[in-house]
């Protein structure tokens, strides 16, 4: 599933869901800070998507780009003994994407369970890289949560 395919799937999903959004094309943005700068949005609005292996399975975790993942909270909630980041190779195998390009969507966009941190509620919109380091989407938080349909929203950041 190469990069343009994931981008198309995001746009199709948002349009079918009737979500409001705006798309931005920009220079490559490998970091959350770079993305916030080119989008003209505060860092807090960014939805940072992280693929983790919790126990024996991979899942997608989304939190405000201004926050850090608290692995102890994730392990406790999922009752997982082990937790680690997906390697770049695993990430590519699972999503077809490189680090930094992963959008904050599980199924039907990416084949992963999705968990969203409560920090997403702090802003009225969410901005994210949309399957590419050169394409972003900014959308209302409520539309994001409705379209993303996370398995759970809980506190896993600091």
N, C-alpha and C. Protein backbone atom coordinates (compact mmCIF):
# COMPACT_ATOMS: atom_id res chain seq x y z
N UNK A 1 0.86 -1.17 0.00
CA UNK A 1 0.00 0.00 0.00
C UNK A 1 0.91 1.23 0.00
N UNK A 2 1.29 1.70 -1.19
CA UNK A 2 2.20 2.84 -1.27
C UNK A 2 1.54 4.15 -0.81
N UNK A 3 2.39 5.15 -0.60
CA UNK A 3 1.97 6.44 -0.05
C UNK A 3 0.73 7.04 -0.73
N UNK A 4 0.68 7.17 -2.07
CA UNK A 4 -0.51 7.79 -2.68
C UNK A 4 -1.80 7.00 -2.40
N UNK A 5 -1.68 5.68 -2.24
CA UNK A 5 -2.85 4.85 -1.95
C UNK A 5 -3.42 5.19 -0.58
N UNK A 6 -2.58 5.34 0.42
CA UNK A 6 -3.05 5.68 1.76
C UNK A 6 -3.68 7.07 1.74
N UNK A 7 -3.05 8.01 1.05
CA UNK A 7 -3.59 9.36 0.96
C UNK A 7 -4.99 9.33 0.33
N UNK A 8 -5.14 8.60 -0.75
CA UNK A 8 -6.44 8.48 -1.43
C UNK A 8 -7.47 7.86 -0.51
N UNK A 9 -7.08 6.83 0.24
CA UNK A 9 -8.02 6.18 1.15
C UNK A 9 -8.49 7.13 2.26
N UNK A 10 -7.58 7.98 2.75
CA UNK A 10 -7.97 8.97 3.75
C UNK A 10 -9.01 9.92 3.17
N UNK A 11 -8.71 10.48 1.98
CA UNK A 11 -9.64 11.43 1.36
C UNK A 11 -10.98 10.78 1.07
N UNK A 12 -10.97 9.57 0.54
CA UNK A 12 -12.23 8.86 0.26
C UNK A 12 -13.03 8.66 1.54
N UNK A 13 -12.36 8.24 2.61
CA UNK A 13 -13.03 7.98 3.89
C UNK A 13 -13.64 9.27 4.45
N UNK A 14 -12.88 10.38 4.39
CA UNK A 14 -13.39 11.65 4.92
C UNK A 14 -14.57 12.16 4.10
N UNK A 15 -14.47 12.03 2.79
CA UNK A 15 -15.57 12.49 1.92
C UNK A 15 -16.83 11.64 2.13
N UNK A 16 -16.67 10.33 2.18
CA UNK A 16 -17.82 9.44 2.40
C UNK A 16 -18.47 9.69 3.76
N UNK A 17 -17.67 10.12 4.73
CA UNK A 17 -18.17 10.38 6.08
C UNK A 17 -18.78 11.77 6.21
N UNK A 18 -18.66 12.59 5.16
CA UNK A 18 -19.19 13.94 5.21
C UNK A 18 -18.42 14.87 6.14
N UNK A 19 -17.14 14.60 6.31
CA UNK A 19 -16.32 15.40 7.21
C UNK A 19 -15.87 16.70 6.55
N UNK A 20 -15.75 17.74 7.36
CA UNK A 20 -15.15 18.99 6.91
C UNK A 20 -13.64 18.86 7.07
N UNK A 21 -12.88 19.30 6.07
CA UNK A 21 -11.42 19.28 6.19
C UNK A 21 -10.81 20.18 5.13
N UNK A 22 -9.56 20.57 5.39
CA UNK A 22 -8.80 21.25 4.36
C UNK A 22 -7.48 20.52 4.19
N UNK A 23 -7.05 20.47 2.96
CA UNK A 23 -5.82 19.77 2.63
C UNK A 23 -4.73 20.79 2.31
N UNK A 24 -3.51 20.50 2.74
CA UNK A 24 -2.38 21.39 2.51
C UNK A 24 -1.25 20.58 1.89
N UNK A 25 -0.67 21.09 0.78
CA UNK A 25 0.54 20.49 0.23
C UNK A 25 1.69 21.38 0.65
N UNK A 26 2.81 20.75 1.05
CA UNK A 26 3.92 21.52 1.61
C UNK A 26 5.23 20.79 1.43
N UNK A 27 6.31 21.44 1.84
CA UNK A 27 7.63 20.81 1.83
C UNK A 27 7.61 19.59 2.75
N UNK A 28 8.54 18.66 2.57
CA UNK A 28 8.59 17.50 3.46
C UNK A 28 8.77 17.93 4.92
N UNK A 29 7.99 17.31 5.81
CA UNK A 29 8.03 17.66 7.23
C UNK A 29 8.25 16.40 8.07
N UNK A 30 9.50 16.08 8.36
CA UNK A 30 9.80 14.87 9.12
C UNK A 30 9.46 14.95 10.61
N UNK A 31 9.32 16.16 11.15
CA UNK A 31 9.02 16.27 12.59
C UNK A 31 7.69 16.99 12.81
N UNK A 32 7.13 16.82 13.99
CA UNK A 32 5.88 17.50 14.36
C UNK A 32 6.07 19.01 14.34
N UNK A 33 7.25 19.48 14.76
CA UNK A 33 7.52 20.91 14.77
C UNK A 33 7.55 21.46 13.34
N UNK A 34 8.17 20.72 12.41
CA UNK A 34 8.19 21.14 11.01
C UNK A 34 6.76 21.21 10.46
N UNK A 35 5.97 20.19 10.78
CA UNK A 35 4.59 20.15 10.29
C UNK A 35 3.78 21.33 10.81
N UNK A 36 3.89 21.62 12.08
CA UNK A 36 3.15 22.74 12.66
C UNK A 36 3.53 24.05 11.97
N UNK A 37 4.81 24.23 11.72
CA UNK A 37 5.29 25.46 11.08
C UNK A 37 4.69 25.64 9.69
N UNK A 38 4.76 24.60 8.83
CA UNK A 38 4.26 24.77 7.46
C UNK A 38 2.74 24.83 7.40
N UNK A 39 2.06 24.25 8.38
CA UNK A 39 0.59 24.32 8.41
C UNK A 39 0.10 25.64 8.99
N UNK A 40 0.97 26.36 9.70
CA UNK A 40 0.55 27.58 10.37
C UNK A 40 -0.37 27.29 11.54
N UNK A 41 -0.16 26.16 12.17
CA UNK A 41 -0.99 25.72 13.31
C UNK A 41 -0.10 25.55 14.53
N UNK A 42 -0.66 25.74 15.74
CA UNK A 42 0.12 25.46 16.96
C UNK A 42 0.48 23.97 17.03
N UNK A 43 1.61 23.68 17.64
CA UNK A 43 2.06 22.30 17.79
C UNK A 43 0.99 21.43 18.45
N UNK A 44 0.26 21.97 19.43
CA UNK A 44 -0.75 21.21 20.17
C UNK A 44 -1.85 20.64 19.28
N UNK A 45 -2.13 21.31 18.16
CA UNK A 45 -3.20 20.90 17.25
C UNK A 45 -2.80 19.64 16.46
N UNK A 46 -1.52 19.41 16.33
CA UNK A 46 -1.04 18.25 15.57
C UNK A 46 -1.42 16.95 16.23
N UNK A 47 -1.87 16.00 15.42
CA UNK A 47 -2.16 14.66 15.90
C UNK A 47 -1.00 13.75 15.55
N UNK A 48 -0.19 13.41 16.54
CA UNK A 48 0.99 12.56 16.34
C UNK A 48 0.54 11.11 16.38
N UNK A 49 0.83 10.37 15.31
CA UNK A 49 0.42 8.96 15.20
C UNK A 49 1.64 8.06 15.37
N UNK A 50 1.54 7.15 16.34
CA UNK A 50 2.65 6.26 16.68
C UNK A 50 2.18 4.82 16.63
N UNK A 51 2.91 3.98 15.89
CA UNK A 51 2.58 2.55 15.85
C UNK A 51 3.45 1.84 16.89
N UNK A 52 2.76 1.14 17.80
CA UNK A 52 3.43 0.41 18.87
C UNK A 52 3.06 -1.06 18.82
N UNK A 53 3.97 -1.89 19.29
CA UNK A 53 3.66 -3.30 19.48
C UNK A 53 3.43 -3.49 20.97
N UNK A 54 2.18 -3.80 21.31
CA UNK A 54 1.78 -4.01 22.70
C UNK A 54 1.49 -5.48 22.87
N UNK A 55 2.31 -6.16 23.67
CA UNK A 55 2.16 -7.60 23.77
C UNK A 55 2.51 -8.20 22.41
N UNK A 56 1.58 -8.94 21.82
CA UNK A 56 1.86 -9.58 20.54
C UNK A 56 1.29 -8.89 19.33
N UNK A 57 0.64 -7.72 19.48
CA UNK A 57 0.02 -7.10 18.31
C UNK A 57 0.34 -5.61 18.20
N UNK A 58 0.29 -5.14 16.97
CA UNK A 58 0.54 -3.74 16.68
C UNK A 58 -0.76 -2.94 16.77
N UNK A 59 -0.65 -1.69 17.21
CA UNK A 59 -1.80 -0.79 17.27
C UNK A 59 -1.30 0.63 17.03
N UNK A 60 -2.23 1.51 16.70
CA UNK A 60 -1.92 2.90 16.41
C UNK A 60 -2.40 3.78 17.57
N UNK A 61 -1.51 4.65 18.04
CA UNK A 61 -1.80 5.54 19.15
C UNK A 61 -1.64 6.98 18.68
N UNK A 62 -2.64 7.81 18.96
CA UNK A 62 -2.63 9.20 18.50
C UNK A 62 -2.73 10.13 19.71
N UNK A 63 -1.82 11.11 19.76
CA UNK A 63 -1.82 12.07 20.84
C UNK A 63 -1.43 13.43 20.30
N UNK A 64 -1.66 14.47 21.07
CA UNK A 64 -1.26 15.82 20.66
C UNK A 64 0.25 15.82 20.42
N UNK A 65 0.66 16.48 19.35
CA UNK A 65 2.08 16.53 19.00
C UNK A 65 2.90 17.26 20.06
N UNK A 66 2.25 18.01 20.94
CA UNK A 66 2.96 18.72 22.00
C UNK A 66 3.20 17.83 23.23
N UNK A 67 2.68 16.61 23.21
CA UNK A 67 2.77 15.71 24.36
C UNK A 67 3.70 14.53 24.02
N UNK A 68 4.05 13.78 25.06
CA UNK A 68 4.88 12.58 24.90
C UNK A 68 4.07 11.36 25.34
N UNK A 69 4.34 10.26 24.72
CA UNK A 69 3.69 9.00 25.06
C UNK A 69 4.15 8.55 26.44
N UNK A 70 3.23 8.11 27.27
CA UNK A 70 3.55 7.55 28.58
C UNK A 70 3.33 6.04 28.48
N UNK A 71 4.42 5.31 28.28
CA UNK A 71 4.31 3.87 28.02
C UNK A 71 3.71 3.12 29.21
N UNK A 72 3.93 3.59 30.43
CA UNK A 72 3.36 2.91 31.60
C UNK A 72 1.84 2.95 31.55
N UNK A 73 1.26 4.07 31.13
CA UNK A 73 -0.20 4.18 31.03
C UNK A 73 -0.75 3.25 29.94
N UNK A 74 -0.04 3.15 28.82
CA UNK A 74 -0.48 2.26 27.74
C UNK A 74 -0.42 0.80 28.20
N UNK A 75 0.69 0.42 28.80
CA UNK A 75 0.84 -0.95 29.28
C UNK A 75 -0.24 -1.31 30.30
N UNK A 76 -0.52 -0.39 31.21
CA UNK A 76 -1.54 -0.66 32.23
C UNK A 76 -2.92 -0.81 31.59
N UNK A 77 -3.28 0.08 30.69
CA UNK A 77 -4.62 0.04 30.08
C UNK A 77 -4.81 -1.22 29.23
N UNK A 78 -3.77 -1.58 28.46
CA UNK A 78 -3.89 -2.74 27.57
C UNK A 78 -3.44 -4.05 28.24
N UNK A 79 -3.02 -3.94 29.49
CA UNK A 79 -2.52 -5.11 30.22
C UNK A 79 -1.43 -5.84 29.43
N UNK A 80 -0.50 -5.04 28.91
CA UNK A 80 0.60 -5.58 28.10
C UNK A 80 1.88 -5.57 28.92
N UNK A 81 2.59 -6.69 28.91
CA UNK A 81 3.87 -6.76 29.61
C UNK A 81 4.94 -5.99 28.84
N UNK A 82 4.90 -6.13 27.51
CA UNK A 82 5.91 -5.51 26.67
C UNK A 82 5.27 -4.46 25.77
N UNK A 83 6.03 -3.39 25.52
CA UNK A 83 5.58 -2.32 24.65
C UNK A 83 6.80 -1.73 23.97
N UNK A 84 6.71 -1.61 22.64
CA UNK A 84 7.82 -1.01 21.92
C UNK A 84 7.32 -0.35 20.64
N UNK A 85 8.13 0.58 20.13
CA UNK A 85 7.81 1.22 18.86
C UNK A 85 8.02 0.22 17.73
N UNK A 86 7.19 0.34 16.68
CA UNK A 86 7.42 -0.46 15.48
C UNK A 86 8.71 0.03 14.84
N UNK A 87 9.49 -0.88 14.30
CA UNK A 87 10.69 -0.48 13.56
C UNK A 87 10.25 0.14 12.23
N UNK A 88 11.13 0.90 11.58
CA UNK A 88 10.77 1.44 10.26
C UNK A 88 10.37 0.34 9.27
N UNK A 89 11.03 -0.82 9.37
CA UNK A 89 10.70 -1.94 8.48
C UNK A 89 9.30 -2.49 8.79
N UNK A 90 8.99 -2.65 10.07
CA UNK A 90 7.66 -3.14 10.46
C UNK A 90 6.59 -2.13 10.07
N UNK A 91 6.89 -0.85 10.28
CA UNK A 91 5.94 0.20 9.92
C UNK A 91 5.63 0.15 8.43
N UNK A 92 6.66 0.00 7.62
CA UNK A 92 6.47 -0.08 6.17
C UNK A 92 5.67 -1.32 5.79
N UNK A 93 5.99 -2.43 6.42
CA UNK A 93 5.27 -3.68 6.13
C UNK A 93 3.79 -3.56 6.50
N UNK A 94 3.49 -2.93 7.63
CA UNK A 94 2.11 -2.79 8.11
C UNK A 94 1.31 -1.75 7.33
N UNK A 95 1.96 -0.63 6.97
CA UNK A 95 1.23 0.51 6.42
C UNK A 95 1.66 0.95 5.03
N UNK A 96 2.87 0.56 4.62
CA UNK A 96 3.42 1.06 3.36
C UNK A 96 4.00 2.45 3.49
N UNK A 97 4.12 2.94 4.73
CA UNK A 97 4.54 4.32 4.96
C UNK A 97 5.86 4.41 5.70
N UNK A 98 6.47 5.60 5.59
CA UNK A 98 7.69 5.88 6.34
C UNK A 98 7.33 6.61 7.63
N UNK A 99 8.24 6.59 8.62
CA UNK A 99 7.97 7.33 9.85
C UNK A 99 7.65 8.80 9.54
N UNK A 100 6.67 9.33 10.23
CA UNK A 100 6.25 10.71 10.03
C UNK A 100 5.10 10.88 9.06
N UNK A 101 4.83 9.87 8.24
CA UNK A 101 3.76 9.97 7.25
C UNK A 101 2.47 9.29 7.71
N UNK A 102 2.53 8.59 8.84
CA UNK A 102 1.38 7.80 9.29
C UNK A 102 0.23 8.72 9.73
N UNK A 103 -0.95 8.54 9.14
CA UNK A 103 -2.10 9.35 9.54
C UNK A 103 -2.74 8.78 10.81
N UNK A 104 -3.57 9.57 11.49
CA UNK A 104 -4.17 9.11 12.75
C UNK A 104 -5.45 8.29 12.57
N UNK A 105 -5.41 7.33 11.65
CA UNK A 105 -6.57 6.50 11.36
C UNK A 105 -6.20 5.03 11.34
N UNK A 106 -7.00 4.23 12.05
CA UNK A 106 -6.88 2.78 11.94
C UNK A 106 -7.80 2.33 10.81
N UNK A 107 -8.54 1.27 11.04
CA UNK A 107 -9.46 0.76 10.03
C UNK A 107 -10.55 1.77 9.72
N UNK A 108 -10.95 1.98 8.48
CA UNK A 108 -10.59 1.23 7.28
C UNK A 108 -9.38 1.78 6.52
N UNK A 109 -8.74 2.82 7.04
CA UNK A 109 -7.61 3.41 6.32
C UNK A 109 -6.35 2.56 6.49
N UNK A 110 -6.00 2.24 7.73
CA UNK A 110 -4.85 1.38 8.03
C UNK A 110 -5.33 0.17 8.82
N UNK A 111 -4.69 -0.98 8.65
CA UNK A 111 -5.14 -2.21 9.30
C UNK A 111 -4.72 -2.35 10.76
N UNK A 112 -5.07 -1.34 11.57
CA UNK A 112 -4.63 -1.31 12.96
C UNK A 112 -5.76 -0.85 13.88
N UNK A 113 -5.76 -1.36 15.12
CA UNK A 113 -6.66 -0.82 16.14
C UNK A 113 -6.16 0.58 16.48
N UNK A 114 -7.08 1.49 16.76
CA UNK A 114 -6.74 2.88 17.02
C UNK A 114 -7.11 3.27 18.44
N UNK A 115 -6.16 3.93 19.12
CA UNK A 115 -6.38 4.48 20.45
C UNK A 115 -6.00 5.96 20.41
N UNK A 116 -6.86 6.80 20.97
CA UNK A 116 -6.64 8.24 20.95
C UNK A 116 -6.49 8.76 22.37
N UNK A 117 -5.48 9.60 22.55
CA UNK A 117 -5.22 10.19 23.87
C UNK A 117 -6.20 11.33 24.13
N UNK A 118 -6.54 11.52 25.40
CA UNK A 118 -7.45 12.60 25.80
C UNK A 118 -6.94 13.98 25.42
N UNK A 119 -5.63 14.12 25.18
CA UNK A 119 -5.07 15.43 24.81
C UNK A 119 -5.66 15.97 23.51
N UNK A 120 -6.21 15.12 22.68
CA UNK A 120 -6.84 15.55 21.43
C UNK A 120 -8.05 16.46 21.72
N UNK A 121 -8.68 16.27 22.87
CA UNK A 121 -9.85 17.09 23.23
C UNK A 121 -9.51 18.53 23.57
N UNK A 122 -8.23 18.85 23.76
CA UNK A 122 -7.84 20.20 24.18
C UNK A 122 -8.00 21.25 23.08
N UNK A 123 -8.15 20.83 21.83
CA UNK A 123 -8.25 21.77 20.71
C UNK A 123 -9.52 21.48 19.91
N UNK A 124 -9.98 22.49 19.17
CA UNK A 124 -11.20 22.30 18.38
C UNK A 124 -10.93 21.71 17.01
N UNK A 125 -9.64 21.48 16.69
CA UNK A 125 -9.28 20.89 15.40
C UNK A 125 -8.06 19.99 15.57
N UNK A 126 -7.84 19.16 14.55
CA UNK A 126 -6.70 18.24 14.54
C UNK A 126 -6.02 18.39 13.18
N UNK A 127 -4.70 18.46 13.18
CA UNK A 127 -3.91 18.55 11.95
C UNK A 127 -2.98 17.35 11.91
N UNK A 128 -2.79 16.78 10.72
CA UNK A 128 -1.95 15.58 10.64
C UNK A 128 -1.39 15.36 9.25
N UNK A 129 -0.26 14.64 9.19
CA UNK A 129 0.28 14.21 7.92
C UNK A 129 -0.64 13.12 7.38
N UNK A 130 -0.99 13.25 6.12
CA UNK A 130 -2.02 12.40 5.51
C UNK A 130 -1.42 11.36 4.59
N UNK A 131 -0.63 10.45 5.16
CA UNK A 131 -0.04 9.38 4.36
C UNK A 131 1.16 9.84 3.56
N UNK A 132 1.70 11.00 3.90
CA UNK A 132 2.80 11.58 3.16
C UNK A 132 3.49 12.63 4.03
N UNK A 133 4.77 12.85 3.79
CA UNK A 133 5.47 13.93 4.49
C UNK A 133 5.20 15.28 3.85
N UNK A 134 4.50 15.30 2.70
CA UNK A 134 4.24 16.55 1.97
C UNK A 134 2.76 16.89 1.86
N UNK A 135 1.90 16.16 2.54
CA UNK A 135 0.46 16.43 2.50
C UNK A 135 -0.09 16.37 3.91
N UNK A 136 -0.82 17.41 4.28
CA UNK A 136 -1.46 17.47 5.60
C UNK A 136 -2.94 17.73 5.44
N UNK A 137 -3.67 17.37 6.48
CA UNK A 137 -5.09 17.67 6.57
C UNK A 137 -5.33 18.34 7.92
N UNK A 138 -6.19 19.36 7.92
CA UNK A 138 -6.64 20.01 9.15
C UNK A 138 -8.16 19.87 9.15
N UNK A 139 -8.70 19.39 10.27
CA UNK A 139 -10.15 19.16 10.32
C UNK A 139 -10.68 19.37 11.74
N UNK A 140 -11.99 19.62 11.86
CA UNK A 140 -12.57 19.77 13.19
C UNK A 140 -12.38 18.50 14.02
N UNK A 141 -12.05 18.68 15.30
CA UNK A 141 -11.82 17.55 16.20
C UNK A 141 -13.00 16.58 16.21
N UNK A 142 -14.21 17.10 16.29
CA UNK A 142 -15.37 16.22 16.36
C UNK A 142 -15.52 15.38 15.10
N UNK A 143 -15.26 15.97 13.93
CA UNK A 143 -15.31 15.20 12.68
C UNK A 143 -14.21 14.14 12.68
N UNK A 144 -13.01 14.51 13.18
CA UNK A 144 -11.93 13.53 13.25
C UNK A 144 -12.34 12.34 14.11
N UNK A 145 -12.82 12.60 15.31
CA UNK A 145 -13.18 11.51 16.22
C UNK A 145 -14.30 10.64 15.65
N UNK A 146 -15.26 11.26 14.99
CA UNK A 146 -16.36 10.50 14.39
C UNK A 146 -15.85 9.61 13.25
N UNK A 147 -14.99 10.17 12.39
CA UNK A 147 -14.47 9.41 11.25
C UNK A 147 -13.44 8.36 11.67
N UNK A 148 -12.62 8.69 12.66
CA UNK A 148 -11.57 7.76 13.10
C UNK A 148 -12.13 6.60 13.91
N UNK A 149 -13.21 6.85 14.65
CA UNK A 149 -13.87 5.82 15.46
C UNK A 149 -12.87 5.00 16.27
N UNK A 150 -12.14 5.64 17.19
CA UNK A 150 -11.13 4.89 17.96
C UNK A 150 -11.74 3.81 18.82
N UNK A 151 -10.95 2.75 19.06
CA UNK A 151 -11.38 1.66 19.94
C UNK A 151 -11.58 2.21 21.36
N UNK A 152 -10.75 3.20 21.73
CA UNK A 152 -10.86 3.83 23.05
C UNK A 152 -10.16 5.17 23.03
N UNK A 153 -10.66 6.09 23.87
CA UNK A 153 -10.00 7.36 24.12
C UNK A 153 -9.65 7.34 25.60
N UNK A 154 -8.36 7.46 25.91
CA UNK A 154 -7.93 7.45 27.32
C UNK A 154 -6.64 8.25 27.46
N UNK A 155 -6.23 8.47 28.68
CA UNK A 155 -5.03 9.27 28.98
C UNK A 155 -3.79 8.40 28.88
N UNK A 156 -2.97 8.65 27.85
CA UNK A 156 -1.70 7.92 27.75
C UNK A 156 -0.55 8.86 27.36
N UNK A 157 -0.67 10.13 27.75
CA UNK A 157 0.42 11.08 27.43
C UNK A 157 0.85 11.82 28.67
N UNK A 158 1.97 12.53 28.50
CA UNK A 158 2.48 13.38 29.58
C UNK A 158 3.07 14.63 28.96
